[in-house]
Amino acid sequence: MDKDLSNVANPKAHISGIADNLQPQCEPLPQPQLPVPKFVFRLMLIVGVLLYSSYTILIHLCEVDGHVPFSYSAVVLAIEILKLLLSIGMFLIEIRREQKQSDVSGPYFDCLGNRLRREFGASESAPHSSTMDIKLVVLPFAIPAILYTITNNLGIAIQMEMDPATYQVLGNFKVLSTAILFRLIIQRPITPRQWVALILLLVAGIINGLTNFDSNANTSSSVLHITLKGIFMISIYCTVSGLASVYTEYVLKRRVNMSLNVQNATLYVFGIVVNGLLYVFQEGLNKGTFNIFLGFSVYTWILVVTQAISGIFMGFVMKYANNILRLFIISSAMVVTTILSILIFNLVVKTSFLISASTVVAALFLYNM
C-alpha cells in the first residue's frame, strides 16, 4: 500500500518506471529453460525452416497473370489476427491444463482472471491499484510492432532507389546488424569462430542475391542502379530490422516467468492496431474500399496459416533460444526455398546456388563446433 501511495504522490516515478521498462538494461538477461525435450525442439526447427521457406513459393502460387491479386497489407493484417487467435487459444488450453493439474476448484473464468492478474503483475487483493504496473508490462510490447511496420514500409520504399538484385544483396547485411545489436542488448557473448560463421551466412545471402540477378538478366530489372538515398535507406533498414528482432527477444526474456502465449498475444494486439491503421490508410487512399479478403484464394489462406504458425514459432525461438538461431533458420530456409522452386517450378540448378547452400552448411557447422 505504501508503495502505491508514493507512486501516486510522485508521478515522475511512473514516467521513470516506464522509461526503465522501455530501455534495455546493461546486465545480461536470464535464459529460460527449454520447455520441450531437445529432440522435439530439433524437429520443431526443421518444421520451422519448412514453414518459413514456404512463403516465397506460396506467393508465386497466388499470382494471377504474373500479379498478386491481393493487398500485401491485408495479408499481413490477416496473419497478425490469426496469430492473436492462436495465442489466445493456446493460453486458454494452458489455463485448463493448469486447473486440472493443480486440482483447483472454482469457475474457469475466475481462474483465468487470477492468472491474467499474475501475468501482468497486478495484485489480486487490489487489482485497480496496479494499473500503472500493468502499463509498465504492456507498453514495451508496442515497440516491436512499430519497428516491424517501419521495416516493412522501408523495404517497399527502398526498391524505388535501387534494383531488386542490389536490394537483395545489401539487405543481407541485416545479419551483421542483428548480431551486433544482439551482442549489445542481450549481452550474450559471440566467439570469434561464431562471428566467422555469421559472416559466412552474410556471404551465402549475397551469393543467393547475385543468383537472382543472373536469373533476371533478360529483364529491365536486371539493370544495376542505386542512389545515395538508397544507400542511406538500406542502412536504416538493416539497422531497424535487426533492432526489431533483438528488441522482441529482449521483451520476451525480460519477463522470463511470463507465459509466452500472453507475451505473444500482447505483441500481436499492437501488431493488429499498427497494421490495421496502415491497411485502412493505404486501402482508403488507393481504392476507397476495405474488403480485407479481396483476391484471397486457397493458396492465400495456406500462406496466412503457415506464416502465422511460423511467426509464433519464431517467438518461441527468440524466448527459449536466441536471434542467432533465428538467423540460421532464415538462411537455411533460403536454401530450402530454392530447392522447392527447382522441384515445383522446374528451375535450373546453378553453380552459384550450390556454393550458397554449401556456405550455409559450413556456417552451421562452424557455429556449432
Protein backbone atom coordinates (compact mmCIF):
# COMPACT_ATOMS: atom_id res chain seq x y z
CA MET A 1 0.00 0.00 0.00
CA ASP A 2 2.84 2.41 0.89
CA LYS A 3 4.41 1.77 -2.50
CA ASP A 4 1.19 2.60 -4.35
CA LEU A 5 0.69 5.83 -2.33
CA SER A 6 4.22 7.00 -3.02
CA ASN A 7 3.75 6.41 -6.74
CA VAL A 8 0.55 8.47 -6.77
CA ALA A 9 2.27 11.26 -4.88
CA ASN A 10 5.22 11.24 -7.26
CA PRO A 11 4.03 10.95 -10.89
CA LYS A 12 7.62 11.38 -12.12
CA ALA A 13 8.33 7.94 -10.67
CA HIS A 14 5.73 6.47 -13.05
CA ILE A 15 7.36 8.13 -16.07
CA SER A 16 10.78 6.97 -14.91
CA GLY A 17 9.44 3.43 -14.46
CA ILE A 18 8.03 3.38 -17.99
CA ALA A 19 11.33 4.63 -19.40
CA ASP A 20 13.24 1.95 -17.48
CA ASN A 21 10.97 -0.76 -18.89
CA LEU A 22 11.28 0.51 -22.46
CA GLN A 23 15.06 0.87 -22.27
CA PRO A 24 17.28 -2.23 -22.44
CA GLN A 25 19.26 -2.82 -19.27
CA CYS A 26 23.03 -3.38 -19.09
CA GLU A 27 23.02 -6.68 -17.22
CA PRO A 28 22.64 -9.96 -19.18
CA LEU A 29 19.09 -11.24 -19.47
CA PRO A 30 18.13 -14.61 -17.96
CA GLN A 31 17.99 -17.57 -20.33
CA PRO A 32 14.73 -19.50 -19.86
CA GLN A 33 14.92 -23.28 -19.81
CA LEU A 34 13.69 -25.04 -22.94
CA PRO A 35 10.18 -26.39 -22.10
CA VAL A 36 10.42 -29.35 -24.51
CA PRO A 37 12.99 -32.15 -24.97
CA LYS A 38 15.91 -31.28 -27.25
CA PHE A 39 14.97 -33.82 -29.93
CA VAL A 40 11.46 -32.31 -30.07
CA PHE A 41 12.99 -28.84 -30.43
CA ARG A 42 15.18 -30.07 -33.30
CA LEU A 43 12.09 -31.42 -35.07
CA MET A 44 10.40 -28.07 -34.47
CA LEU A 45 13.38 -26.33 -36.08
CA ILE A 46 13.02 -28.46 -39.22
CA VAL A 47 9.31 -27.67 -39.42
CA GLY A 48 10.09 -24.00 -38.77
CA VAL A 49 12.53 -23.90 -41.70
CA LEU A 50 9.93 -25.52 -43.99
CA LEU A 51 7.22 -23.07 -42.88
CA TYR A 52 9.47 -20.05 -43.38
CA SER A 53 10.67 -21.28 -46.78
CA SER A 54 7.09 -21.81 -47.99
CA TYR A 55 6.39 -18.04 -48.06
CA THR A 56 8.03 -17.28 -51.42
CA ILE A 57 6.64 -20.44 -53.03
CA LEU A 58 3.08 -19.66 -51.91
CA ILE A 59 3.36 -16.04 -53.07
CA HIS A 60 4.21 -17.28 -56.58
CA LEU A 61 1.37 -19.83 -56.47
CA CYS A 62 -1.02 -16.99 -55.56
CA GLU A 63 -0.09 -14.99 -58.66
CA VAL A 64 -2.70 -14.44 -61.38
CA ASP A 65 -1.27 -13.42 -64.78
CA GLY A 66 2.02 -12.55 -63.12
CA HIS A 67 0.46 -10.30 -60.48
CA VAL A 68 -0.55 -10.83 -56.86
CA PRO A 69 -4.34 -10.24 -56.69
CA PHE A 70 -4.47 -9.22 -53.02
CA SER A 71 -3.16 -6.41 -50.85
CA TYR A 72 0.08 -7.23 -49.01
CA SER A 73 -1.07 -5.15 -46.03
CA ALA A 74 -4.30 -7.19 -45.91
CA VAL A 75 -2.34 -10.45 -45.77
CA VAL A 76 -0.07 -9.10 -43.01
CA LEU A 77 -3.14 -8.00 -41.04
CA ALA A 78 -4.81 -11.40 -41.51
CA ILE A 79 -1.64 -13.15 -40.31
CA GLU A 80 -1.50 -10.93 -37.21
CA ILE A 81 -5.16 -11.63 -36.40
CA LEU A 82 -4.68 -15.40 -36.76
CA LYS A 83 -1.54 -15.30 -34.59
CA LEU A 84 -3.53 -13.50 -31.89
CA LEU A 85 -6.36 -16.04 -32.04
CA LEU A 86 -3.93 -18.97 -31.89
CA SER A 87 -2.07 -17.45 -28.93
CA ILE A 88 -5.30 -16.83 -27.02
CA GLY A 89 -6.47 -20.37 -27.78
CA MET A 90 -3.19 -21.88 -26.53
CA PHE A 91 -3.33 -19.75 -23.38
CA LEU A 92 -6.89 -20.90 -22.62
CA ILE A 93 -5.75 -24.52 -23.04
CA GLU A 94 -2.81 -23.73 -20.75
CA ILE A 95 -5.24 -22.44 -18.07
CA ARG A 96 -7.44 -25.53 -18.37
CA ARG A 97 -4.41 -27.82 -18.02
CA GLU A 98 -3.15 -25.86 -15.02
CA GLN A 99 -6.59 -26.06 -13.40
CA LYS A 100 -6.70 -29.84 -13.80
CA GLN A 101 -3.12 -30.42 -12.63
CA SER A 102 -3.48 -28.27 -9.51
CA ASP A 103 -6.97 -29.63 -8.79
CA VAL A 104 -8.21 -26.08 -8.21
CA SER A 105 -11.95 -25.80 -7.73
CA GLY A 106 -13.97 -22.81 -8.87
CA PRO A 107 -15.26 -21.31 -12.11
CA TYR A 108 -12.92 -21.42 -15.09
CA PHE A 109 -13.15 -17.67 -15.72
CA ASP A 110 -12.17 -16.93 -12.12
CA CYS A 111 -9.01 -18.96 -12.64
CA LEU A 112 -8.44 -17.15 -15.93
CA GLY A 113 -8.83 -13.74 -14.30
CA ASN A 114 -6.48 -14.61 -11.44
CA ARG A 115 -3.88 -15.95 -13.87
CA LEU A 116 -4.03 -12.81 -16.03
CA ARG A 117 -3.57 -10.60 -12.97
CA ARG A 118 -0.50 -12.63 -12.03
CA GLU A 119 0.87 -12.47 -15.57
CA PHE A 120 0.61 -8.68 -15.70
CA GLY A 121 1.84 -8.17 -12.15
CA ALA A 122 -1.41 -6.92 -10.65
CA SER A 123 -2.41 -7.67 -7.08
CA GLU A 124 -5.38 -9.99 -6.66
CA SER A 125 -6.43 -8.16 -3.48
CA ALA A 126 -6.19 -4.69 -5.06
CA PRO A 127 -6.15 -5.07 -8.84
CA HIS A 128 -7.19 -1.48 -9.58
CA SER A 129 -4.24 -0.05 -7.66
CA SER A 130 -1.81 -1.76 -10.01
CA THR A 131 -2.92 -0.13 -13.27
CA MET A 132 0.44 1.57 -13.71
CA ASP A 133 2.26 -1.72 -13.11
CA ILE A 134 0.24 -3.30 -15.92
CA LYS A 135 1.16 -0.42 -18.24
CA LEU A 136 4.83 -0.95 -17.41
CA VAL A 137 4.46 -4.57 -18.54
CA VAL A 138 2.38 -3.88 -21.66
CA LEU A 139 3.91 -0.75 -23.20
CA PRO A 140 7.29 -2.28 -24.18
CA PHE A 141 5.41 -4.71 -26.45
CA ALA A 142 4.31 -1.79 -28.64
CA ILE A 143 7.86 -1.01 -29.76
CA PRO A 144 8.45 -4.19 -31.86
CA ALA A 145 5.14 -3.60 -33.69
CA ILE A 146 6.22 -0.07 -34.61
CA LEU A 147 9.72 -1.20 -35.63
CA TYR A 148 8.41 -4.05 -37.81
CA THR A 149 5.99 -1.64 -39.52
CA ILE A 150 8.85 0.77 -40.26
CA THR A 151 10.91 -2.13 -41.64
CA ASN A 152 8.12 -3.40 -43.90
CA ASN A 153 7.44 0.04 -45.36
CA LEU A 154 11.13 0.82 -45.80
CA GLY A 155 11.54 -2.46 -47.68
CA ILE A 156 8.94 -1.28 -50.19
CA ALA A 157 10.25 2.30 -50.49
CA ILE A 158 13.88 1.21 -50.90
CA GLN A 159 13.13 -0.62 -54.14
CA MET A 160 12.41 2.73 -55.79
CA GLU A 161 16.03 3.71 -55.12
CA MET A 162 17.80 0.55 -56.33
CA ASP A 163 17.30 -2.52 -58.49
CA PRO A 164 15.88 -5.75 -56.92
CA ALA A 165 19.20 -7.64 -57.05
CA THR A 166 21.09 -4.86 -55.26
CA TYR A 167 18.31 -4.73 -52.65
CA GLN A 168 18.57 -8.48 -52.03
CA VAL A 169 22.37 -8.35 -51.79
CA LEU A 170 22.61 -5.33 -49.47
CA GLY A 171 19.59 -6.46 -47.42
CA ASN A 172 21.67 -9.39 -46.20
CA PHE A 173 23.73 -7.02 -44.07
CA LYS A 174 20.93 -7.22 -41.51
CA VAL A 175 22.62 -10.47 -40.47
CA LEU A 176 25.54 -8.45 -39.09
CA SER A 177 23.37 -5.66 -37.69
CA THR A 178 21.25 -8.23 -35.84
CA ALA A 179 24.35 -9.96 -34.43
CA ILE A 180 25.89 -6.67 -33.27
CA LEU A 181 22.66 -5.49 -31.62
CA PHE A 182 22.20 -8.94 -30.07
CA ARG A 183 25.65 -8.64 -28.50
CA LEU A 184 24.97 -5.11 -27.22
CA ILE A 185 21.37 -5.51 -25.98
CA ILE A 186 21.04 -9.17 -24.96
CA GLN A 187 24.61 -9.19 -23.60
CA ARG A 188 25.38 -12.69 -24.86
CA PRO A 189 29.00 -13.42 -25.89
CA ILE A 190 29.77 -14.30 -29.52
CA THR A 191 33.10 -16.04 -30.05
CA PRO A 192 35.42 -15.17 -32.98
CA ARG A 193 34.58 -18.52 -34.60
CA GLN A 194 30.87 -17.71 -34.37
CA TRP A 195 31.48 -14.27 -35.91
CA VAL A 196 33.14 -16.03 -38.85
CA ALA A 197 30.08 -18.29 -39.15
CA LEU A 198 27.78 -15.25 -39.23
CA ILE A 199 29.92 -13.63 -41.92
CA LEU A 200 29.58 -16.86 -43.92
CA LEU A 201 25.79 -16.51 -43.61
CA LEU A 202 26.11 -12.98 -44.99
CA VAL A 203 28.23 -14.26 -47.89
CA ALA A 204 25.69 -17.02 -48.62
CA GLY A 205 22.90 -14.45 -48.78
CA ILE A 206 24.90 -12.22 -51.12
CA ILE A 207 25.65 -15.15 -53.45
CA ASN A 208 21.95 -16.03 -53.46
CA GLY A 209 21.08 -12.43 -54.33
CA LEU A 210 23.55 -12.47 -57.22
CA THR A 211 21.94 -15.72 -58.41
CA ASN A 212 18.58 -13.95 -58.57
CA PHE A 213 20.17 -11.12 -60.54
CA ASP A 214 21.50 -13.60 -63.07
CA SER A 215 18.06 -15.21 -63.43
CA ASN A 216 16.60 -11.79 -64.36
CA ALA A 217 19.35 -10.98 -66.84
CA ASN A 218 16.91 -10.50 -69.73
CA THR A 219 14.55 -8.14 -67.89
CA SER A 220 14.66 -4.41 -67.24
CA SER A 221 15.03 -5.09 -63.51
CA SER A 222 18.49 -6.51 -64.21
CA VAL A 223 19.96 -3.02 -64.75
CA LEU A 224 22.08 -2.31 -61.68
CA HIS A 225 21.40 1.05 -60.10
CA ILE A 226 21.46 2.58 -56.63
CA THR A 227 21.15 6.15 -55.37
CA LEU A 228 22.82 7.83 -52.41
CA LYS A 229 19.39 8.00 -50.80
CA GLY A 230 19.05 4.25 -51.39
CA ILE A 231 22.33 3.55 -49.57
CA PHE A 232 21.12 5.59 -46.60
CA MET A 233 17.72 3.86 -46.61
CA ILE A 234 19.18 0.33 -46.81
CA SER A 235 21.46 1.18 -43.87
CA ILE A 236 18.44 2.29 -41.82
CA TYR A 237 16.51 -0.78 -42.99
CA CYS A 238 19.19 -3.24 -41.86
CA THR A 239 19.57 -1.47 -38.50
CA VAL A 240 15.84 -1.21 -37.76
CA SER A 241 15.24 -4.79 -38.92
CA GLY A 242 17.92 -6.06 -36.54
CA LEU A 243 16.65 -3.85 -33.73
CA ALA A 244 13.07 -5.09 -34.19
CA SER A 245 14.02 -8.74 -33.78
CA VAL A 246 16.54 -8.17 -30.98
CA TYR A 247 14.19 -5.91 -29.02
CA THR A 248 11.46 -8.54 -29.37
CA GLU A 249 13.84 -11.08 -27.81
CA TYR A 250 14.66 -8.56 -25.08
CA VAL A 251 10.97 -8.01 -24.25
CA LEU A 252 10.24 -11.76 -24.18
CA LYS A 253 13.21 -12.58 -21.94
CA ARG A 254 12.88 -9.55 -19.68
CA ARG A 255 9.88 -11.22 -18.00
CA VAL A 256 11.12 -14.77 -18.13
CA ASN A 257 8.28 -16.19 -16.00
CA MET A 258 5.52 -14.60 -18.06
CA SER A 259 3.63 -17.04 -20.30
CA LEU A 260 4.89 -16.92 -23.89
CA ASN A 261 1.28 -17.14 -25.08
CA VAL A 262 0.38 -13.99 -23.13
CA GLN A 263 3.52 -12.23 -24.38
CA ASN A 264 2.75 -13.19 -27.97
CA ALA A 265 -0.89 -12.12 -27.66
CA THR A 266 0.20 -8.72 -26.31
CA LEU A 267 2.66 -8.31 -29.19
CA TYR A 268 0.01 -9.25 -31.74
CA VAL A 269 -2.58 -6.83 -30.31
CA PHE A 270 -0.19 -3.97 -31.01
CA GLY A 271 0.67 -5.52 -34.37
CA ILE A 272 -3.03 -5.58 -35.32
CA VAL A 273 -3.52 -1.96 -34.23
CA VAL A 274 -0.49 -0.68 -36.19
CA ASN A 275 -1.06 -2.83 -39.29
CA GLY A 276 -4.81 -2.21 -39.15
CA LEU A 277 -4.28 1.56 -39.24
CA LEU A 278 -1.78 1.13 -42.07
CA TYR A 279 -4.23 -1.05 -44.03
CA VAL A 280 -7.09 1.45 -43.60
CA PHE A 281 -4.83 4.31 -44.69
CA GLN A 282 -3.42 2.51 -47.74
CA GLU A 283 -6.67 0.97 -48.96
CA GLY A 284 -8.71 4.10 -48.27
CA LEU A 285 -6.16 6.22 -50.10
CA ASN A 286 -5.76 3.90 -53.10
CA LYS A 287 -9.12 2.16 -53.53
CA GLY A 288 -11.61 3.65 -51.10
CA THR A 289 -12.75 0.12 -50.14
CA PHE A 290 -11.95 -2.09 -47.17
CA ASN A 291 -12.55 -5.67 -48.31
CA ILE A 292 -9.63 -7.31 -46.50
CA PHE A 293 -10.19 -10.68 -48.20
CA LEU A 294 -10.33 -9.30 -51.75
CA GLY A 295 -8.28 -11.52 -54.07
CA PHE A 296 -7.75 -14.24 -51.46
CA SER A 297 -7.52 -17.81 -52.81
CA VAL A 298 -6.88 -21.21 -51.26
CA TYR A 299 -3.14 -20.60 -51.61
CA THR A 300 -3.52 -17.23 -49.88
CA TRP A 301 -5.19 -18.85 -46.89
CA ILE A 302 -2.47 -21.51 -46.77
CA LEU A 303 0.02 -18.63 -46.79
CA VAL A 304 -1.77 -16.92 -43.89
CA VAL A 305 -1.92 -20.12 -41.81
CA THR A 306 1.70 -21.18 -42.43
CA GLN A 307 3.12 -17.72 -41.73
CA ALA A 308 1.00 -17.33 -38.58
CA ILE A 309 2.39 -20.61 -37.24
CA SER A 310 5.88 -19.59 -38.39
CA GLY A 311 5.57 -16.27 -36.55
CA ILE A 312 4.53 -17.95 -33.30
CA PHE A 313 7.41 -20.42 -33.65
CA MET A 314 9.88 -17.55 -34.15
CA GLY A 315 8.64 -16.11 -30.86
CA PHE A 316 9.36 -19.48 -29.23
CA VAL A 317 12.87 -19.45 -30.72
CA MET A 318 13.60 -15.91 -29.53
CA LYS A 319 12.46 -16.62 -25.97
CA TYR A 320 13.96 -20.08 -25.45
CA ALA A 321 16.95 -19.79 -27.80
CA ASN A 322 18.09 -16.54 -29.44
CA ASN A 323 18.15 -14.36 -32.54
CA ILE A 324 21.32 -16.01 -33.82
CA LEU A 325 19.44 -19.30 -34.20
CA ARG A 326 16.68 -17.33 -35.92
CA LEU A 327 19.24 -16.07 -38.47
CA PHE A 328 20.31 -19.64 -39.20
CA ILE A 329 16.66 -20.66 -39.66
CA ILE A 330 16.18 -17.85 -42.20
CA SER A 331 19.38 -18.72 -44.07
CA SER A 332 18.50 -22.43 -44.13
CA ALA A 333 15.02 -21.53 -45.39
CA MET A 334 16.66 -19.59 -48.24
CA VAL A 335 18.31 -22.82 -49.40
CA VAL A 336 15.12 -24.87 -48.97
CA THR A 337 13.13 -22.25 -50.92
CA THR A 338 15.50 -22.62 -53.87
CA ILE A 339 15.28 -26.43 -53.73
CA LEU A 340 11.46 -26.28 -53.65
CA SER A 341 11.48 -23.79 -56.54
CA ILE A 342 13.61 -26.22 -58.56
CA LEU A 343 11.17 -29.06 -57.85
CA ILE A 344 7.92 -27.09 -58.29
CA PHE A 345 8.80 -24.55 -60.99
CA ASN A 346 11.45 -26.63 -62.82
CA LEU A 347 14.20 -24.09 -62.26
CA VAL A 348 17.71 -24.99 -63.38
CA VAL A 349 20.26 -25.74 -60.65
CA LYS A 350 23.11 -23.23 -60.88
CA THR A 351 26.64 -23.39 -59.53
CA SER A 352 26.04 -20.23 -57.50
CA PHE A 353 23.19 -21.95 -55.63
CA LEU A 354 25.41 -24.91 -54.79
CA ILE A 355 28.05 -22.50 -53.46
CA SER A 356 25.43 -20.60 -51.44
CA ALA A 357 23.95 -23.79 -49.96
CA SER A 358 27.41 -25.14 -49.11
CA THR A 359 28.28 -21.86 -47.41
CA VAL A 360 25.17 -22.06 -45.21
CA VAL A 361 26.04 -25.65 -44.23
CA ALA A 362 29.62 -24.60 -43.45
CA ALA A 363 28.34 -21.72 -41.31
CA LEU A 364 26.01 -24.05 -39.40
CA PHE A 365 28.85 -26.49 -38.74
CA LEU A 366 31.31 -23.76 -37.73
CA TYR A 367 28.87 -22.02 -35.36
CA ASN A 368 28.01 -25.24 -33.53
CA MET A 369 31.55 -26.62 -33.23
